Amino acid sequence: RAWCGNFLTALDMPGASLSVLKVDDELLALLDAPASAPA
């Protein structure tokens, strides 16, 4: 799974971060579960 965009910023800072999360079947199912929020 991969996401790209502004998720947690530092005001007007030019730059980026990479985050990597180990997943198994249980964690993958939780990442795939339905969610509804503005961001």
PDB file of all heavy atoms in Angstrom:
ATOM      1  N   ARG A   1       0.860  -1.179   0.000  1.00  0.00           N
ATOM      2  CA  ARG A   1       0.000   0.000   0.000  1.00  0.00           C
ATOM      3  C   ARG A   1       0.901   1.235   0.000  1.00  0.00           C
ATOM      4  O   ARG A   1       1.982   1.221   0.593  1.00  0.00           O
ATOM      5  CB  ARG A   1      -0.927   0.055   1.223  1.00  0.00           C
ATOM      6  CG  ARG A   1      -1.924  -1.085   1.335  1.00  0.00           C
ATOM      7  CD  ARG A   1      -3.000  -1.013   0.272  1.00  0.00           C
ATOM      8  NE  ARG A   1      -3.979  -2.073   0.470  1.00  0.00           N
ATOM      9  CZ  ARG A   1      -3.876  -3.317  -0.017  1.00  0.00           C
ATOM     10  NH1 ARG A   1      -2.795  -3.663  -0.709  1.00  0.00           N
ATOM     11  NH2 ARG A   1      -4.817  -4.203   0.201  1.00  0.00           N
ATOM     12  N   ALA A   2       0.453   2.310  -0.646  1.00  0.00           N
ATOM     13  CA  ALA A   2       1.242   3.546  -0.674  1.00  0.00           C
ATOM     14  C   ALA A   2       0.311   4.746  -0.756  1.00  0.00           C
ATOM     15  O   ALA A   2      -0.698   4.712  -1.462  1.00  0.00           O
ATOM     16  CB  ALA A   2       2.214   3.548  -1.853  1.00  0.00           C
ATOM     17  N   TRP A   3       0.669   5.794  -0.018  1.00  0.00           N
ATOM     18  CA  TRP A   3      -0.057   7.062  -0.052  1.00  0.00           C
ATOM     19  C   TRP A   3       0.940   8.175  -0.311  1.00  0.00           C
ATOM     20  O   TRP A   3       2.114   8.078   0.077  1.00  0.00           O
ATOM     21  CB  TRP A   3      -0.771   7.324   1.270  1.00  0.00           C
ATOM     22  CG  TRP A   3      -1.884   6.366   1.575  1.00  0.00           C
ATOM     23  CD1 TRP A   3      -3.202   6.494   1.267  1.00  0.00           C
ATOM     24  CD2 TRP A   3      -1.766   5.135   2.292  1.00  0.00           C
ATOM     25  NE1 TRP A   3      -3.921   5.409   1.727  1.00  0.00           N
ATOM     26  CE2 TRP A   3      -3.057   4.552   2.357  1.00  0.00           C
ATOM     27  CE3 TRP A   3      -0.694   4.442   2.869  1.00  0.00           C
ATOM     28  CZ2 TRP A   3      -3.304   3.344   2.988  1.00  0.00           C
ATOM     29  CZ3 TRP A   3      -0.938   3.227   3.478  1.00  0.00           C
ATOM     30  CH2 TRP A   3      -2.232   2.692   3.538  1.00  0.00           C
ATOM     31  N   CYS A   4       0.481   9.242  -0.938  1.00  0.00           N
ATOM     32  CA  CYS A   4       1.367  10.352  -1.271  1.00  0.00           C
ATOM     33  C   CYS A   4       0.593  11.658  -1.194  1.00  0.00           C
ATOM     34  O   CYS A   4      -0.499  11.773  -1.770  1.00  0.00           O
ATOM     35  CB  CYS A   4       1.940  10.154  -2.679  1.00  0.00           C
ATOM     36  SG  CYS A   4       3.122  11.406  -3.203  1.00  0.00           S
ATOM     37  N   GLY A   5       1.120  12.636  -0.469  1.00  0.00           N
ATOM     38  CA  GLY A   5       0.455  13.931  -0.338  1.00  0.00           C
ATOM     39  C   GLY A   5       0.859  14.611   0.951  1.00  0.00           C
ATOM     40  O   GLY A   5       1.827  14.224   1.609  1.00  0.00           O
ATOM     41  N   ASN A   6       0.104  15.631   1.330  1.00  0.00           N
ATOM     42  CA  ASN A   6       0.330  16.341   2.592  1.00  0.00           C
ATOM     43  C   ASN A   6      -0.544  15.720   3.672  1.00  0.00           C
ATOM     44  O   ASN A   6      -1.768  15.881   3.674  1.00  0.00           O
ATOM     45  CB  ASN A   6      -0.012  17.825   2.445  1.00  0.00           C
ATOM     46  CG  ASN A   6       1.058  18.585   1.689  1.00  0.00           C
ATOM     47  OD1 ASN A   6       2.187  18.128   1.573  1.00  0.00           O
ATOM     48  ND2 ASN A   6       0.718  19.746   1.168  1.00  0.00           N
ATOM     49  N   PHE A   7       0.067  15.002   4.595  1.00  0.00           N
ATOM     50  CA  PHE A   7      -0.660  14.332   5.660  1.00  0.00           C
ATOM     51  C   PHE A   7      -0.366  14.952   7.027  1.00  0.00           C
ATOM     52  O   PHE A   7      -1.252  15.085   7.858  1.00  0.00           O
ATOM     53  CB  PHE A   7      -0.308  12.839   5.695  1.00  0.00           C
ATOM     54  CG  PHE A   7      -0.731  12.093   4.472  1.00  0.00           C
ATOM     55  CD1 PHE A   7       0.119  11.947   3.396  1.00  0.00           C
ATOM     56  CD2 PHE A   7      -2.008  11.557   4.383  1.00  0.00           C
ATOM     57  CE1 PHE A   7      -0.269  11.272   2.261  1.00  0.00           C
ATOM     58  CE2 PHE A   7      -2.413  10.877   3.246  1.00  0.00           C
ATOM     59  CZ  PHE A   7      -1.542  10.729   2.173  1.00  0.00           C
ATOM     60  N   LEU A   8       0.892  15.309   7.271  1.00  0.00           N
ATOM     61  CA  LEU A   8       1.288  15.922   8.538  1.00  0.00           C
ATOM     62  C   LEU A   8       2.435  16.868   8.214  1.00  0.00           C
ATOM     63  O   LEU A   8       3.560  16.445   8.012  1.00  0.00           O
ATOM     64  CB  LEU A   8       1.701  14.854   9.554  1.00  0.00           C
ATOM     65  CG  LEU A   8       1.733  15.278  11.021  1.00  0.00           C
ATOM     66  CD1 LEU A   8       1.513  14.075  11.933  1.00  0.00           C
ATOM     67  CD2 LEU A   8       3.042  15.958  11.382  1.00  0.00           C
ATOM     68  N   THR A   9       2.134  18.164   8.119  1.00  0.00           N
ATOM     69  CA  THR A   9       3.057  19.149   7.578  1.00  0.00           C
ATOM     70  C   THR A   9       3.767  19.941   8.673  1.00  0.00           C
ATOM     71  O   THR A   9       3.548  19.720   9.868  1.00  0.00           O
ATOM     72  CB  THR A   9       2.305  20.125   6.658  1.00  0.00           C
ATOM     73  OG1 THR A   9       1.337  20.843   7.443  1.00  0.00           O
ATOM     74  CG2 THR A   9       1.587  19.380   5.540  1.00  0.00           C
ATOM     75  N   ALA A  10       4.601  20.864   8.266  1.00  0.00           N
ATOM     76  CA  ALA A  10       5.282  21.794   9.171  1.00  0.00           C
ATOM     77  C   ALA A  10       5.119  23.195   8.600  1.00  0.00           C
ATOM     78  O   ALA A  10       6.072  23.809   8.122  1.00  0.00           O
ATOM     79  CB  ALA A  10       6.751  21.427   9.328  1.00  0.00           C
ATOM     80  N   LEU A  11       3.883  23.683   8.620  1.00  0.00           N
ATOM     81  CA  LEU A  11       3.527  24.977   8.059  1.00  0.00           C
ATOM     82  C   LEU A  11       3.932  25.062   6.585  1.00  0.00           C
ATOM     83  O   LEU A  11       3.449  24.276   5.776  1.00  0.00           O
ATOM     84  CB  LEU A  11       4.162  26.108   8.882  1.00  0.00           C
ATOM     85  CG  LEU A  11       3.569  26.336  10.278  1.00  0.00           C
ATOM     86  CD1 LEU A  11       4.402  27.355  11.040  1.00  0.00           C
ATOM     87  CD2 LEU A  11       2.119  26.812  10.194  1.00  0.00           C
ATOM     88  N   ASP A  12       4.830  25.984   6.256  1.00  0.00           N
ATOM     89  CA  ASP A  12       5.213  26.225   4.856  1.00  0.00           C
ATOM     90  C   ASP A  12       6.616  25.705   4.556  1.00  0.00           C
ATOM     91  O   ASP A  12       7.336  26.270   3.738  1.00  0.00           O
ATOM     92  CB  ASP A  12       5.125  27.709   4.532  1.00  0.00           C
ATOM     93  CG  ASP A  12       5.959  28.580   5.483  1.00  0.00           C
ATOM     94  OD1 ASP A  12       6.468  28.042   6.491  1.00  0.00           O
ATOM     95  OD2 ASP A  12       6.097  29.789   5.219  1.00  0.00           O
ATOM     96  N   MET A  13       6.995  24.626   5.196  1.00  0.00           N
ATOM     97  CA  MET A  13       8.349  24.099   5.000  1.00  0.00           C
ATOM     98  C   MET A  13       8.454  23.348   3.675  1.00  0.00           C
ATOM     99  O   MET A  13       7.624  22.477   3.384  1.00  0.00           O
ATOM    100  CB  MET A  13       8.739  23.172   6.148  1.00  0.00           C
ATOM    101  CG  MET A  13      10.128  22.548   5.999  1.00  0.00           C
ATOM    102  SD  MET A  13      10.609  21.564   7.429  1.00  0.00           S
ATOM    103  CE  MET A  13      11.049  22.867   8.587  1.00  0.00           C
ATOM    104  N   PRO A  14       9.462  23.623   2.863  1.00  0.00           N
ATOM    105  CA  PRO A  14       9.708  22.835   1.659  1.00  0.00           C
ATOM    106  C   PRO A  14      10.488  21.575   2.018  1.00  0.00           C
ATOM    107  O   PRO A  14      11.585  21.656   2.563  1.00  0.00           O
ATOM    108  CB  PRO A  14      10.525  23.777   0.770  1.00  0.00           C
ATOM    109  CG  PRO A  14      11.236  24.665   1.734  1.00  0.00           C
ATOM    110  CD  PRO A  14      10.342  24.804   2.938  1.00  0.00           C
ATOM    111  N   GLY A  15       9.906  20.435   1.739  1.00  0.00           N
ATOM    112  CA  GLY A  15      10.561  19.183   2.085  1.00  0.00           C
ATOM    113  C   GLY A  15       9.565  18.055   2.148  1.00  0.00           C
ATOM    114  O   GLY A  15       8.380  18.218   1.806  1.00  0.00           O
ATOM    115  N   ALA A  16      10.019  16.894   2.558  1.00  0.00           N
ATOM    116  CA  ALA A  16       9.154  15.721   2.595  1.00  0.00           C
ATOM    117  C   ALA A  16       9.719  14.702   3.569  1.00  0.00           C
ATOM    118  O   ALA A  16      10.889  14.784   3.980  1.00  0.00           O
ATOM    119  CB  ALA A  16       9.034  15.104   1.197  1.00  0.00           C
ATOM    120  N   SER A  17       8.894  13.746   3.938  1.00  0.00           N
ATOM    121  CA  SER A  17       9.348  12.634   4.763  1.00  0.00           C
ATOM    122  C   SER A  17       8.824  11.335   4.176  1.00  0.00           C
ATOM    123  O   SER A  17       7.818  11.326   3.450  1.00  0.00           O
ATOM    124  CB  SER A  17       8.867  12.777   6.218  1.00  0.00           C
ATOM    125  OG  SER A  17       7.452  12.743   6.291  1.00  0.00           O
ATOM    126  N   LEU A  18       9.517  10.263   4.469  1.00  0.00           N
ATOM    127  CA  LEU A  18       9.087   8.925   4.077  1.00  0.00           C
ATOM    128  C   LEU A  18       8.822   8.124   5.339  1.00  0.00           C
ATOM    129  O   LEU A  18       9.596   8.192   6.299  1.00  0.00           O
ATOM    130  CB  LEU A  18      10.167   8.221   3.243  1.00  0.00           C
ATOM    131  CG  LEU A  18      10.561   8.861   1.915  1.00  0.00           C
ATOM    132  CD1 LEU A  18      11.641   8.025   1.236  1.00  0.00           C
ATOM    133  CD2 LEU A  18       9.363   9.011   1.006  1.00  0.00           C
ATOM    134  N   SER A  19       7.715   7.379   5.346  1.00  0.00           N
ATOM    135  CA  SER A  19       7.381   6.495   6.460  1.00  0.00           C
ATOM    136  C   SER A  19       7.148   5.100   5.914  1.00  0.00           C
ATOM    137  O   SER A  19       6.481   4.933   4.886  1.00  0.00           O
ATOM    138  CB  SER A  19       6.118   6.966   7.194  1.00  0.00           C
ATOM    139  OG  SER A  19       6.303   8.256   7.751  1.00  0.00           O
ATOM    140  N   VAL A  20       7.700   4.114   6.590  1.00  0.00           N
ATOM    141  CA  VAL A  20       7.537   2.713   6.195  1.00  0.00           C
ATOM    142  C   VAL A  20       6.978   1.949   7.388  1.00  0.00           C
ATOM    143  O   VAL A  20       7.513   2.047   8.500  1.00  0.00           O
ATOM    144  CB  VAL A  20       8.875   2.099   5.749  1.00  0.00           C
ATOM    145  CG1 VAL A  20       8.702   0.622   5.425  1.00  0.00           C
ATOM    146  CG2 VAL A  20       9.425   2.845   4.531  1.00  0.00           C
ATOM    147  N   LEU A  21       5.907   1.204   7.156  1.00  0.00           N
ATOM    148  CA  LEU A  21       5.242   0.435   8.208  1.00  0.00           C
ATOM    149  C   LEU A  21       5.241  -1.046   7.843  1.00  0.00           C
ATOM    150  O   LEU A  21       4.745  -1.429   6.775  1.00  0.00           O
ATOM    151  CB  LEU A  21       3.804   0.916   8.395  1.00  0.00           C
ATOM    152  CG  LEU A  21       2.922   0.107   9.352  1.00  0.00           C
ATOM    153  CD1 LEU A  21       3.414   0.244  10.790  1.00  0.00           C
ATOM    154  CD2 LEU A  21       1.458   0.552   9.244  1.00  0.00           C
ATOM    155  N   LYS A  22       5.820  -1.873   8.702  1.00  0.00           N
ATOM    156  CA  LYS A  22       5.722  -3.318   8.509  1.00  0.00           C
ATOM    157  C   LYS A  22       4.263  -3.744   8.649  1.00  0.00           C
ATOM    158  O   LYS A  22       3.574  -3.293   9.579  1.00  0.00           O
ATOM    159  CB  LYS A  22       6.541  -4.060   9.563  1.00  0.00           C
ATOM    160  CG  LYS A  22       8.044  -3.902   9.466  1.00  0.00           C
ATOM    161  CD  LYS A  22       8.690  -4.740  10.566  1.00  0.00           C
ATOM    162  CE  LYS A  22      10.199  -4.654  10.557  1.00  0.00           C
ATOM    163  NZ  LYS A  22      10.797  -5.464  11.644  1.00  0.00           N
ATOM    164  N   VAL A  23       3.781  -4.593   7.762  1.00  0.00           N
ATOM    165  CA  VAL A  23       2.391  -5.054   7.847  1.00  0.00           C
ATOM    166  C   VAL A  23       2.317  -6.573   7.753  1.00  0.00           C
ATOM    167  O   VAL A  23       3.176  -7.209   7.146  1.00  0.00           O
ATOM    168  CB  VAL A  23       1.509  -4.418   6.751  1.00  0.00           C
ATOM    169  CG1 VAL A  23       1.459  -2.913   6.897  1.00  0.00           C
ATOM    170  CG2 VAL A  23       1.975  -4.811   5.357  1.00  0.00           C
ATOM    171  N   ASP A  24       1.285  -7.113   8.364  1.00  0.00           N
ATOM    172  CA  ASP A  24       0.892  -8.506   8.190  1.00  0.00           C
ATOM    173  C   ASP A  24      -0.574  -8.494   7.781  1.00  0.00           C
ATOM    174  O   ASP A  24      -1.141  -7.420   7.501  1.00  0.00           O
ATOM    175  CB  ASP A  24       1.121  -9.306   9.472  1.00  0.00           C
ATOM    176  CG  ASP A  24       0.450  -8.663  10.684  1.00  0.00           C
ATOM    177  OD1 ASP A  24      -0.492  -7.820  10.493  1.00  0.00           O
ATOM    178  OD2 ASP A  24       0.828  -8.972  11.818  1.00  0.00           O
ATOM    179  N   ASP A  25      -1.213  -9.634   7.727  1.00  0.00           N
ATOM    180  CA  ASP A  25      -2.602  -9.684   7.262  1.00  0.00           C
ATOM    181  C   ASP A  25      -3.519  -8.844   8.140  1.00  0.00           C
ATOM    182  O   ASP A  25      -4.412  -8.146   7.639  1.00  0.00           O
ATOM    183  CB  ASP A  25      -3.097 -11.140   7.229  1.00  0.00           C
ATOM    184  CG  ASP A  25      -2.444 -11.946   6.118  1.00  0.00           C
ATOM    185  OD1 ASP A  25      -1.874 -11.336   5.195  1.00  0.00           O
ATOM    186  OD2 ASP A  25      -2.508 -13.190   6.184  1.00  0.00           O
ATOM    187  N   GLU A  26      -3.306  -8.888   9.462  1.00  0.00           N
ATOM    188  CA  GLU A  26      -4.187  -8.153  10.374  1.00  0.00           C
ATOM    189  C   GLU A  26      -4.026  -6.651  10.190  1.00  0.00           C
ATOM    190  O   GLU A  26      -5.021  -5.911  10.070  1.00  0.00           O
ATOM    191  CB  GLU A  26      -3.890  -8.540  11.817  1.00  0.00           C
ATOM    192  CG  GLU A  26      -4.832  -7.888  12.827  1.00  0.00           C
ATOM    193  CD  GLU A  26      -4.568  -8.328  14.257  1.00  0.00           C
ATOM    194  OE1 GLU A  26      -3.423  -8.734  14.543  1.00  0.00           O
ATOM    195  OE2 GLU A  26      -5.490  -8.264  15.089  1.00  0.00           O
ATOM    196  N   LEU A  27      -2.784  -6.157  10.168  1.00  0.00           N
ATOM    197  CA  LEU A  27      -2.571  -4.720  10.010  1.00  0.00           C
ATOM    198  C   LEU A  27      -3.004  -4.238   8.635  1.00  0.00           C
ATOM    199  O   LEU A  27      -3.556  -3.133   8.497  1.00  0.00           O
ATOM    200  CB  LEU A  27      -1.094  -4.377  10.240  1.00  0.00           C
ATOM    201  CG  LEU A  27      -0.579  -4.547  11.675  1.00  0.00           C
ATOM    202  CD1 LEU A  27       0.893  -4.166  11.757  1.00  0.00           C
ATOM    203  CD2 LEU A  27      -1.389  -3.717  12.650  1.00  0.00           C
ATOM    204  N   LEU A  28      -2.796  -5.054   7.606  1.00  0.00           N
ATOM    205  CA  LEU A  28      -3.221  -4.665   6.262  1.00  0.00           C
ATOM    206  C   LEU A  28      -4.734  -4.524   6.196  1.00  0.00           C
ATOM    207  O   LEU A  28      -5.257  -3.591   5.567  1.00  0.00           O
ATOM    208  CB  LEU A  28      -2.729  -5.684   5.241  1.00  0.00           C
ATOM    209  CG  LEU A  28      -2.992  -5.351   3.778  1.00  0.00           C
ATOM    210  CD1 LEU A  28      -2.381  -4.011   3.401  1.00  0.00           C
ATOM    211  CD2 LEU A  28      -2.455  -6.459   2.878  1.00  0.00           C
ATOM    212  N   ALA A  29      -5.452  -5.424   6.860  1.00  0.00           N
ATOM    213  CA  ALA A  29      -6.912  -5.338   6.871  1.00  0.00           C
ATOM    214  C   ALA A  29      -7.375  -4.061   7.563  1.00  0.00           C
ATOM    215  O   ALA A  29      -8.357  -3.425   7.138  1.00  0.00           O
ATOM    216  CB  ALA A  29      -7.504  -6.562   7.570  1.00  0.00           C
ATOM    217  N   LEU A  30      -6.676  -3.657   8.611  1.00  0.00           N
ATOM    218  CA  LEU A  30      -7.044  -2.424   9.312  1.00  0.00           C
ATOM    219  C   LEU A  30      -6.751  -1.196   8.453  1.00  0.00           C
ATOM    220  O   LEU A  30      -7.522  -0.228   8.451  1.00  0.00           O
ATOM    221  CB  LEU A  30      -6.286  -2.332  10.637  1.00  0.00           C
ATOM    222  CG  LEU A  30      -6.667  -3.391  11.691  1.00  0.00           C
ATOM    223  CD1 LEU A  30      -5.709  -3.343  12.867  1.00  0.00           C
ATOM    224  CD2 LEU A  30      -8.107  -3.202  12.166  1.00  0.00           C
ATOM    225  N   LEU A  31      -5.655  -1.228   7.704  1.00  0.00           N
ATOM    226  CA  LEU A  31      -5.365  -0.117   6.789  1.00  0.00           C
ATOM    227  C   LEU A  31      -6.400  -0.031   5.669  1.00  0.00           C
ATOM    228  O   LEU A  31      -6.707   1.060   5.177  1.00  0.00           O
ATOM    229  CB  LEU A  31      -3.968  -0.279   6.190  1.00  0.00           C
ATOM    230  CG  LEU A  31      -2.786  -0.069   7.145  1.00  0.00           C
ATOM    231  CD1 LEU A  31      -1.484  -0.428   6.442  1.00  0.00           C
ATOM    232  CD2 LEU A  31      -2.732   1.367   7.651  1.00  0.00           C
ATOM    233  N   ASP A  32      -6.943  -1.172   5.260  1.00  0.00           N
ATOM    234  CA  ASP A  32      -7.916  -1.210   4.163  1.00  0.00           C
ATOM    235  C   ASP A  32      -9.356  -0.946   4.619  1.00  0.00           C
ATOM    236  O   ASP A  32     -10.238  -0.739   3.781  1.00  0.00           O
ATOM    237  CB  ASP A  32      -7.874  -2.578   3.469  1.00  0.00           C
ATOM    238  CG  ASP A  32      -6.633  -2.757   2.615  1.00  0.00           C
ATOM    239  OD1 ASP A  32      -5.981  -1.747   2.298  1.00  0.00           O
ATOM    240  OD2 ASP A  32      -6.304  -3.912   2.282  1.00  0.00           O
ATOM    241  N   ALA A  33      -9.604  -0.975   5.930  1.00  0.00           N
ATOM    242  CA  ALA A  33     -10.970  -0.813   6.435  1.00  0.00           C
ATOM    243  C   ALA A  33     -11.536   0.549   6.040  1.00  0.00           C
ATOM    244  O   ALA A  33     -10.794   1.533   5.923  1.00  0.00           O
ATOM    245  CB  ALA A  33     -10.980  -0.969   7.953  1.00  0.00           C
ATOM    246  N   PRO A  34     -12.840   0.634   5.837  1.00  0.00           N
ATOM    247  CA  PRO A  34     -13.455   1.906   5.435  1.00  0.00           C
ATOM    248  C   PRO A  34     -13.193   3.008   6.459  1.00  0.00           C
ATOM    249  O   PRO A  34     -13.159   2.769   7.661  1.00  0.00           O
ATOM    250  CB  PRO A  34     -14.950   1.569   5.364  1.00  0.00           C
ATOM    251  CG  PRO A  34     -15.011   0.095   5.196  1.00  0.00           C
ATOM    252  CD  PRO A  34     -13.834  -0.458   5.943  1.00  0.00           C
ATOM    253  N   ALA A  35     -13.008   4.211   5.961  1.00  0.00           N
ATOM    254  CA  ALA A  35     -12.816   5.380   6.824  1.00  0.00           C
ATOM    255  C   ALA A  35     -13.307   6.605   6.082  1.00  0.00           C
ATOM    256  O   ALA A  35     -13.245   6.675   4.858  1.00  0.00           O
ATOM    257  CB  ALA A  35     -11.348   5.546   7.205  1.00  0.00           C
ATOM    258  N   SER A  36     -13.818   7.553   6.844  1.00  0.00           N
ATOM    259  CA  SER A  36     -14.350   8.774   6.241  1.00  0.00           C
ATOM    260  C   SER A  36     -13.967   9.963   7.104  1.00  0.00           C
ATOM    261  O   SER A  36     -14.473  10.118   8.221  1.00  0.00           O
ATOM    262  CB  SER A  36     -15.883   8.687   6.113  1.00  0.00           C
ATOM    263  OG  SER A  36     -16.411   9.911   5.645  1.00  0.00           O
ATOM    264  N   ALA A  37     -13.053  10.785   6.595  1.00  0.00           N
ATOM    265  CA  ALA A  37     -12.623  11.998   7.289  1.00  0.00           C
ATOM    266  C   ALA A  37     -12.141  12.980   6.235  1.00  0.00           C
ATOM    267  O   ALA A  37     -11.742  12.577   5.140  1.00  0.00           O
ATOM    268  CB  ALA A  37     -11.515  11.685   8.301  1.00  0.00           C
ATOM    269  N   PRO A  38     -12.185  14.288   6.531  1.00  0.00           N
ATOM    270  CA  PRO A  38     -11.815  15.294   5.522  1.00  0.00           C
ATOM    271  C   PRO A  38     -10.446  15.067   4.884  1.00  0.00           C
ATOM    272  O   PRO A  38     -10.275  15.281   3.694  1.00  0.00           O
ATOM    273  CB  PRO A  38     -11.853  16.607   6.309  1.00  0.00           C
ATOM    274  CG  PRO A  38     -12.836  16.361   7.397  1.00  0.00           C
ATOM    275  CD  PRO A  38     -12.669  14.920   7.777  1.00  0.00           C
ATOM    276  N   ALA A  39      -9.476  14.628   5.653  1.00  0.00           N
ATOM    277  CA  ALA A  39      -8.137  14.454   5.099  1.00  0.00           C
ATOM    278  C   ALA A  39      -7.944  13.077   4.475  1.00  0.00           C
ATOM    279  O   ALA A  39      -6.934  12.826   3.836  1.00  0.00           O
ATOM    280  CB  ALA A  39      -7.083  14.677   6.181  1.00  0.00           C
TER     281      ALA A  39
END
